[in-house]
N, C-alpha and C. Protein backbone atom coordinates (compact mmCIF):
# COMPACT_ATOMS: atom_id res chain seq x y z
N UNK A 1 -65.29 -48.69 -13.30
CA UNK A 1 -66.57 -49.11 -12.24
C UNK A 1 -66.71 -50.14 -11.81
N UNK A 2 -66.55 -50.73 -10.74
CA UNK A 2 -66.85 -51.98 -10.31
C UNK A 2 -68.35 -52.34 -9.83
N UNK A 3 -68.58 -53.74 -9.65
CA UNK A 3 -70.32 -53.75 -9.36
C UNK A 3 -70.85 -53.61 -8.00
N UNK A 4 -69.94 -53.22 -7.20
CA UNK A 4 -69.80 -53.33 -5.65
C UNK A 4 -70.03 -51.69 -5.70
N UNK A 5 -69.62 -50.92 -6.48
CA UNK A 5 -69.52 -49.56 -6.29
C UNK A 5 -70.95 -49.28 -6.73
N UNK A 6 -71.81 -48.04 -5.84
CA UNK A 6 -72.94 -47.49 -6.06
C UNK A 6 -72.67 -46.05 -6.59
N UNK A 7 -73.35 -45.80 -7.43
CA UNK A 7 -73.17 -44.13 -7.57
C UNK A 7 -74.67 -43.74 -7.97
N UNK A 8 -74.89 -42.68 -7.53
CA UNK A 8 -75.72 -41.99 -7.12
C UNK A 8 -75.86 -40.42 -7.93
N UNK A 9 -76.62 -40.23 -8.79
CA UNK A 9 -76.48 -39.11 -9.60
C UNK A 9 -77.67 -38.26 -8.70
N UNK A 10 -77.26 -36.92 -8.62
CA UNK A 10 -78.31 -36.13 -7.96
C UNK A 10 -78.19 -34.87 -9.17
N UNK A 11 -77.36 -34.66 -10.12
CA UNK A 11 -78.28 -33.31 -10.94
C UNK A 11 -77.70 -34.15 -12.10
N UNK A 12 -78.76 -34.58 -13.07
CA UNK A 12 -78.59 -35.42 -13.94
C UNK A 12 -77.91 -34.05 -15.01
N UNK A 13 -78.09 -32.95 -14.80
CA UNK A 13 -77.17 -32.01 -16.11
C UNK A 13 -75.70 -31.50 -15.46
N UNK A 14 -75.26 -32.17 -14.60
CA UNK A 14 -73.75 -32.35 -14.32
C UNK A 14 -73.19 -33.97 -14.51
N UNK A 15 -73.97 -35.05 -14.83
CA UNK A 15 -73.64 -36.43 -15.36
C UNK A 15 -73.20 -36.39 -16.46
N UNK A 16 -72.08 -36.86 -17.02
CA UNK A 16 -71.89 -36.75 -18.30
C UNK A 16 -72.91 -37.80 -19.23
N UNK A 17 -72.90 -38.90 -18.58
CA UNK A 17 -74.14 -39.61 -19.37
C UNK A 17 -75.60 -38.68 -19.67
N UNK A 18 -75.91 -37.96 -18.87
CA UNK A 18 -77.44 -37.32 -18.79
C UNK A 18 -76.95 -36.41 -19.82
N UNK A 19 -75.87 -35.01 -19.62
CA UNK A 19 -75.66 -34.41 -20.65
C UNK A 19 -75.43 -35.05 -21.76
N UNK A 20 -74.87 -35.95 -22.36
CA UNK A 20 -74.59 -36.62 -23.64
C UNK A 20 -75.99 -36.95 -24.09
N UNK A 21 -76.73 -37.28 -23.36
CA UNK A 21 -78.01 -38.03 -23.71
C UNK A 21 -79.09 -36.39 -24.03
N UNK A 22 -79.14 -35.78 -23.23
CA UNK A 22 -79.75 -34.38 -23.49
C UNK A 22 -79.47 -33.88 -24.52
N UNK A 23 -78.33 -33.89 -25.39
CA UNK A 23 -78.07 -33.32 -26.77
C UNK A 23 -79.05 -33.62 -27.68
N UNK A 24 -78.91 -35.07 -27.81
CA UNK A 24 -79.82 -35.84 -28.69
C UNK A 24 -80.95 -36.44 -28.55
N UNK A 25 -81.50 -36.51 -27.14
CA UNK A 25 -83.05 -37.06 -26.47
C UNK A 25 -84.02 -36.14 -27.58
N UNK A 26 -85.13 -37.31 -27.65
CA UNK A 26 -86.11 -36.62 -28.15
C UNK A 26 -86.22 -37.67 -29.48
N UNK A 27 -87.21 -37.25 -29.93
CA UNK A 27 -87.67 -37.98 -31.26
C UNK A 27 -87.35 -37.40 -32.71
N UNK A 28 -86.85 -36.35 -32.51
CA UNK A 28 -86.21 -35.82 -33.79
C UNK A 28 -84.64 -35.43 -34.29
N UNK A 29 -83.99 -35.43 -33.34
CA UNK A 29 -82.75 -34.81 -33.26
C UNK A 29 -81.86 -35.53 -33.89
N UNK A 30 -82.02 -36.96 -33.38
CA UNK A 30 -80.78 -37.66 -34.25
C UNK A 30 -81.13 -38.05 -35.92
N UNK A 31 -82.44 -37.47 -36.17
CA UNK A 31 -82.46 -37.56 -37.61
C UNK A 31 -82.24 -36.56 -38.09
N UNK A 32 -82.43 -35.48 -37.65
CA UNK A 32 -81.81 -34.28 -38.02
C UNK A 32 -80.51 -34.18 -38.20
N UNK A 33 -79.57 -34.84 -37.56
CA UNK A 33 -78.48 -34.82 -37.66
C UNK A 33 -77.78 -35.59 -38.86
N UNK A 34 -78.80 -36.76 -39.00
CA UNK A 34 -78.65 -37.63 -40.08
C UNK A 34 -78.62 -37.13 -41.41
N UNK A 35 -79.67 -35.80 -41.52
CA UNK A 35 -80.16 -35.44 -42.84
C UNK A 35 -78.86 -34.45 -42.90
N UNK A 36 -77.78 -33.76 -41.64
CA UNK A 36 -76.80 -32.91 -42.11
C UNK A 36 -75.67 -33.60 -42.35
N UNK A 37 -75.71 -34.81 -41.90
CA UNK A 37 -74.15 -35.88 -42.01
C UNK A 37 -73.37 -35.53 -43.16
N UNK A 38 -74.03 -35.35 -44.41
CA UNK A 38 -73.08 -35.77 -45.41
C UNK A 38 -72.69 -34.14 -46.33
N UNK A 39 -73.53 -33.21 -45.71
CA UNK A 39 -73.16 -31.84 -46.31
C UNK A 39 -73.93 -30.84 -45.73
N UNK A 40 -73.86 -29.62 -45.85
CA UNK A 40 -74.66 -28.47 -45.20
C UNK A 40 -76.12 -28.56 -46.06
N UNK A 41 -77.04 -28.32 -45.50
CA UNK A 41 -78.66 -28.42 -46.01
C UNK A 41 -79.10 -27.16 -45.66
N UNK A 42 -80.06 -26.64 -46.62
CA UNK A 42 -81.20 -25.77 -46.51
C UNK A 42 -82.21 -26.46 -45.53
N UNK A 43 -83.04 -25.32 -45.15
CA UNK A 43 -83.93 -25.77 -44.42
C UNK A 43 -85.31 -26.78 -44.82
N UNK A 44 -85.70 -26.37 -46.00
CA UNK A 44 -86.42 -26.82 -46.56
C UNK A 44 -86.17 -28.40 -47.25
N UNK A 45 -84.82 -28.50 -47.44
CA UNK A 45 -84.06 -29.77 -47.96
C UNK A 45 -84.16 -30.73 -46.27
N UNK A 46 -83.70 -30.03 -45.59
CA UNK A 46 -83.54 -31.10 -44.61
C UNK A 46 -85.04 -31.16 -43.86
N UNK A 47 -85.90 -30.41 -43.99
CA UNK A 47 -87.31 -30.96 -43.67
C UNK A 47 -88.10 -31.94 -44.91
N UNK A 48 -87.66 -32.00 -45.87
CA UNK A 48 -87.76 -33.01 -46.91
C UNK A 48 -87.22 -34.60 -46.39
N UNK A 49 -85.74 -34.46 -46.48
CA UNK A 49 -85.41 -35.74 -45.81
C UNK A 49 -85.48 -36.28 -44.57
N UNK A 50 -86.01 -35.53 -43.59
CA UNK A 50 -86.72 -35.89 -42.15
C UNK A 50 -88.01 -36.25 -42.33
N UNK A 51 -88.63 -37.03 -42.68
CA UNK A 51 -90.16 -37.35 -43.17
C UNK A 51 -90.87 -37.43 -41.73
N UNK A 52 -91.72 -36.34 -42.10
CA UNK A 52 -93.01 -36.27 -40.41
C UNK A 52 -92.59 -35.52 -39.79
N UNK A 53 -91.79 -34.58 -39.99
CA UNK A 53 -91.26 -33.76 -39.12
C UNK A 53 -91.87 -31.95 -39.48
N UNK A 54 -92.53 -31.63 -38.54
CA UNK A 54 -93.42 -30.33 -38.78
C UNK A 54 -92.21 -29.08 -39.20
N UNK A 55 -92.65 -28.12 -39.56
CA UNK A 55 -91.95 -27.02 -40.07
C UNK A 55 -91.01 -26.17 -38.71
N UNK A 56 -92.31 -26.38 -37.63
CA UNK A 56 -92.24 -25.73 -36.40
C UNK A 56 -90.98 -26.84 -35.31
N UNK A 57 -91.50 -27.63 -35.43
CA UNK A 57 -90.41 -28.80 -34.94
C UNK A 57 -89.18 -28.91 -35.45
N UNK A 58 -89.19 -28.73 -36.76
CA UNK A 58 -87.54 -28.64 -37.21
C UNK A 58 -86.88 -27.58 -36.70
N UNK A 59 -87.76 -26.21 -36.82
CA UNK A 59 -86.96 -24.77 -36.57
C UNK A 59 -86.83 -25.05 -35.03
N UNK A 60 -87.63 -25.50 -34.02
CA UNK A 60 -86.97 -25.73 -32.64
C UNK A 60 -85.95 -26.78 -32.58
N UNK A 61 -85.53 -27.92 -32.86
CA UNK A 61 -84.87 -28.90 -33.18
C UNK A 61 -83.00 -28.51 -33.50
N UNK A 62 -83.46 -27.67 -34.43
CA UNK A 62 -82.25 -27.05 -35.24
C UNK A 62 -81.92 -26.25 -34.30
N UNK A 63 -82.60 -25.08 -33.73
CA UNK A 63 -82.15 -24.10 -32.49
C UNK A 63 -81.58 -24.70 -31.50
N UNK A 64 -82.42 -25.96 -31.00
CA UNK A 64 -81.50 -26.57 -29.49
C UNK A 64 -80.17 -27.13 -29.96
N UNK A 65 -80.03 -27.71 -30.91
CA UNK A 65 -78.68 -28.52 -31.61
C UNK A 65 -77.85 -27.19 -31.67
N UNK A 66 -78.39 -26.21 -32.32
CA UNK A 66 -77.45 -25.03 -32.60
C UNK A 66 -77.04 -24.03 -31.11
N UNK A 67 -77.77 -24.39 -30.39
CA UNK A 67 -77.50 -23.98 -28.98
C UNK A 67 -76.57 -24.80 -28.32
N UNK A 68 -76.76 -26.24 -28.68
CA UNK A 68 -75.75 -26.94 -28.16
C UNK A 68 -74.45 -26.95 -28.55
N UNK A 69 -74.08 -26.27 -29.18
CA UNK A 69 -72.58 -26.40 -30.48
C UNK A 69 -72.74 -27.80 -31.30
N UNK A 70 -74.12 -28.54 -31.57
CA UNK A 70 -73.81 -29.44 -32.87
C UNK A 70 -73.87 -29.15 -34.11
N UNK A 71 -75.00 -28.24 -34.17
CA UNK A 71 -75.27 -27.75 -35.51
C UNK A 71 -74.67 -26.15 -35.66
N UNK A 72 -74.66 -25.71 -36.89
CA UNK A 72 -74.08 -24.40 -37.29
C UNK A 72 -74.77 -23.91 -38.28
N UNK A 73 -75.60 -22.49 -37.95
CA UNK A 73 -76.26 -21.65 -39.21
C UNK A 73 -75.32 -20.74 -40.04
N UNK A 74 -75.36 -20.86 -40.70
CA UNK A 74 -74.55 -19.95 -41.90
C UNK A 74 -75.96 -18.98 -42.77
N UNK A 75 -75.73 -17.49 -42.29
CA UNK A 75 -76.47 -16.63 -42.85
C UNK A 75 -75.94 -16.08 -44.39
N UNK A 76 -76.40 -16.04 -45.45
CA UNK A 76 -75.70 -15.74 -46.26
C UNK A 76 -76.51 -14.17 -46.93
N UNK A 77 -75.71 -13.26 -47.12
CA UNK A 77 -76.37 -12.09 -47.36
C UNK A 77 -76.77 -11.79 -48.75
N UNK A 78 -77.77 -12.58 -49.15
CA UNK A 78 -78.50 -12.49 -50.37
C UNK A 78 -79.84 -12.42 -50.75
N UNK A 79 -79.96 -12.03 -51.74
CA UNK A 79 -81.68 -11.85 -51.84
C UNK A 79 -81.88 -12.74 -53.05
N UNK A 80 -82.85 -13.89 -52.63
CA UNK A 80 -83.57 -13.69 -51.22
C UNK A 80 -82.74 -14.44 -50.49
N UNK A 81 -83.23 -14.82 -49.21
CA UNK A 81 -82.54 -14.67 -48.20
C UNK A 81 -81.83 -16.45 -48.35
N UNK A 82 -80.79 -16.94 -47.82
CA UNK A 82 -80.43 -18.15 -47.98
C UNK A 82 -79.49 -18.60 -46.48
N UNK A 83 -79.89 -19.57 -45.92
CA UNK A 83 -79.23 -20.34 -44.58
C UNK A 83 -79.27 -21.77 -45.01
N UNK A 84 -78.13 -21.93 -44.18
CA UNK A 84 -77.73 -23.72 -44.33
C UNK A 84 -77.31 -23.78 -43.20
N UNK A 85 -77.91 -25.24 -42.57
CA UNK A 85 -77.23 -25.69 -41.67
C UNK A 85 -76.15 -26.90 -41.85
N UNK A 86 -75.26 -27.01 -40.94
CA UNK A 86 -74.46 -27.97 -41.23
C UNK A 86 -74.24 -28.30 -40.07
N UNK A 87 -73.34 -29.73 -39.56
CA UNK A 87 -72.84 -30.34 -38.17
C UNK A 87 -71.46 -29.50 -37.86
N UNK A 88 -71.15 -29.63 -36.93
CA UNK A 88 -69.92 -28.36 -36.30
C UNK A 88 -69.01 -29.93 -36.28
N UNK A 89 -67.74 -29.56 -35.73
CA UNK A 89 -66.82 -30.53 -35.69
C UNK A 89 -67.26 -31.51 -34.32
N UNK A 90 -67.81 -30.69 -33.12
CA UNK A 90 -68.40 -31.63 -32.09
C UNK A 90 -69.59 -32.31 -32.82
N UNK A 91 -70.51 -31.68 -33.69
CA UNK A 91 -72.14 -32.51 -34.19
C UNK A 91 -71.53 -33.81 -34.89
N UNK A 92 -69.82 -33.56 -35.92
CA UNK A 92 -70.11 -34.55 -36.34
C UNK A 92 -69.00 -36.01 -35.56
N UNK A 93 -68.65 -35.34 -34.69
CA UNK A 93 -68.21 -36.61 -33.62
C UNK A 93 -69.41 -37.45 -32.94
N UNK A 94 -70.35 -36.47 -32.31
CA UNK A 94 -71.74 -37.08 -32.14
C UNK A 94 -72.18 -38.01 -32.61
N UNK A 95 -72.69 -37.71 -34.17
CA UNK A 95 -73.20 -38.20 -34.93
C UNK A 95 -72.47 -39.74 -35.43
N UNK A 96 -70.97 -39.69 -35.11
CA UNK A 96 -70.36 -41.21 -35.31
C UNK A 96 -70.59 -41.82 -34.04
N UNK A 97 -70.89 -41.34 -32.93
CA UNK A 97 -70.99 -42.07 -31.62
C UNK A 97 -72.59 -42.81 -31.95
N UNK A 98 -73.37 -41.92 -32.43
CA UNK A 98 -74.81 -41.97 -32.87
C UNK A 98 -74.98 -43.28 -33.69
N UNK A 99 -73.94 -43.57 -34.74
CA UNK A 99 -73.98 -44.49 -35.84
C UNK A 99 -73.79 -45.79 -35.05
N UNK A 100 -72.22 -45.55 -34.43
CA UNK A 100 -72.10 -47.28 -33.30
C UNK A 100 -73.60 -47.28 -32.42
N UNK A 101 -74.13 -46.15 -32.12
CA UNK A 101 -75.18 -46.78 -30.91
C UNK A 101 -76.23 -47.27 -31.74
N UNK A 102 -76.65 -46.96 -33.42
CA UNK A 102 -77.38 -47.52 -34.34
C UNK A 102 -76.93 -48.85 -34.39
N UNK A 103 -75.77 -49.04 -34.74
CA UNK A 103 -75.53 -50.68 -34.85
C UNK A 103 -75.25 -51.28 -33.98
N UNK A 104 -75.14 -50.93 -32.49
CA UNK A 104 -75.53 -51.86 -31.48
C UNK A 104 -77.23 -52.05 -31.75
N UNK A 105 -77.68 -51.18 -31.80
CA UNK A 105 -79.22 -51.34 -31.73
C UNK A 105 -79.72 -52.53 -32.52
N UNK A 106 -78.86 -52.35 -33.94
CA UNK A 106 -79.49 -53.64 -34.89
C UNK A 106 -78.94 -54.84 -34.61
N UNK A 107 -77.71 -54.82 -33.79
CA UNK A 107 -77.30 -56.31 -33.05
C UNK A 107 -77.95 -56.58 -32.40
N UNK A 108 -78.60 -55.89 -31.17
CA UNK A 108 -79.55 -56.50 -29.97
C UNK A 108 -80.75 -56.64 -30.65
N UNK A 109 -81.19 -55.88 -31.84
CA UNK A 109 -82.46 -56.18 -32.43
C UNK A 109 -82.14 -58.19 -32.84
N UNK A 110 -81.20 -57.97 -33.33
CA UNK A 110 -80.69 -59.53 -34.35
C UNK A 110 -80.94 -60.77 -33.46
N UNK A 111 -79.92 -60.52 -31.93
CA UNK A 111 -80.06 -61.05 -30.88
C UNK A 111 -81.34 -61.56 -30.32
N UNK A 112 -82.30 -60.80 -30.17
CA UNK A 112 -83.41 -60.63 -29.74
C UNK A 112 -84.65 -61.21 -30.28
N UNK A 113 -84.59 -61.29 -32.01
CA UNK A 113 -85.27 -61.95 -32.77
C UNK A 113 -84.65 -63.42 -33.26
N UNK A 114 -83.22 -63.63 -33.01
CA UNK A 114 -83.03 -64.76 -33.41
C UNK A 114 -81.82 -64.47 -35.01
N UNK A 115 -81.97 -63.34 -35.15
CA UNK A 115 -81.73 -63.26 -36.81
C UNK A 115 -79.79 -62.97 -36.74
N UNK A 116 -79.36 -62.98 -37.67
CA UNK A 116 -77.94 -63.13 -37.46
C UNK A 116 -77.47 -61.69 -38.11
N UNK A 117 -76.65 -60.58 -37.63
CA UNK A 117 -76.39 -59.49 -38.08
C UNK A 117 -75.09 -59.65 -38.71
N UNK A 118 -74.95 -59.53 -39.97
CA UNK A 118 -73.69 -59.81 -40.82
C UNK A 118 -72.45 -58.52 -40.42
N UNK A 119 -73.22 -57.63 -39.60
CA UNK A 119 -72.10 -56.71 -39.49
C UNK A 119 -71.11 -56.51 -38.31
N UNK A 120 -71.47 -57.19 -37.02
CA UNK A 120 -70.57 -57.24 -36.16
C UNK A 120 -70.86 -56.04 -35.53
N UNK A 121 -70.81 -56.28 -34.14
CA UNK A 121 -71.09 -55.57 -32.82
C UNK A 121 -70.50 -54.14 -33.61
N UNK A 122 -70.93 -53.00 -33.04
CA UNK A 122 -70.36 -51.54 -33.35
C UNK A 122 -69.82 -50.81 -34.70
N UNK A 123 -70.50 -51.92 -35.60
CA UNK A 123 -69.90 -51.92 -36.88
C UNK A 123 -71.02 -50.23 -37.56
N UNK A 124 -70.36 -49.21 -38.15
CA UNK A 124 -71.31 -47.95 -38.61
C UNK A 124 -71.71 -48.10 -39.99
N UNK A 125 -73.00 -47.81 -39.96
CA UNK A 125 -73.90 -48.03 -41.30
C UNK A 125 -73.51 -46.58 -41.52
N UNK A 126 -73.99 -46.32 -43.14
CA UNK A 126 -74.23 -45.14 -43.66
C UNK A 126 -75.64 -44.47 -43.87
N UNK A 127 -76.34 -45.86 -43.82
CA UNK A 127 -77.76 -45.95 -43.93
C UNK A 127 -78.32 -45.48 -42.77
N UNK A 128 -78.16 -44.74 -41.77
CA UNK A 128 -78.83 -43.95 -40.46
C UNK A 128 -80.34 -43.59 -40.93
N UNK A 129 -81.11 -44.40 -40.25
CA UNK A 129 -82.83 -44.39 -40.62
C UNK A 129 -83.25 -42.85 -40.62
N UNK A 130 -84.17 -42.16 -41.77
CA UNK A 130 -84.18 -41.32 -41.68
C UNK A 130 -85.81 -40.50 -41.43
N UNK A 131 -86.65 -41.63 -41.06
CA UNK A 131 -87.98 -41.17 -40.66
C UNK A 131 -88.19 -41.51 -39.48
N UNK A 132 -88.85 -40.78 -38.54
CA UNK A 132 -88.87 -40.84 -37.31
C UNK A 132 -89.74 -42.07 -37.15
N UNK A 133 -89.77 -42.29 -35.60
CA UNK A 133 -90.66 -43.34 -34.92
C UNK A 133 -91.75 -42.83 -35.10
């Protein structure tokens, strides 16, 4: 798209960028995805990893991510009941993009503060932050 082209977004629900951002927007979803990025986790373990999130909010975020096809919920027919959450293939792909966005943010912050980033633009890191803002 050239600089002279003007794009008007009339419906953010059909704009690719609006839809993509809508999936992970909010205070906690990216942190929940981080907690699930390595392996499936149970609810309590996920809550302990995402410091500061309430049980109610975590439940809501997991349901929204599940509805968007980002998180899979596996119910095991056991006593006591056991449920595990994991990223779907689509969720893993989105998480990889969020890692790139995180690397860009670190580079941008370093440029604004005058610090030098030794990772270079777009270099993914495995220590995506776990605590919410």
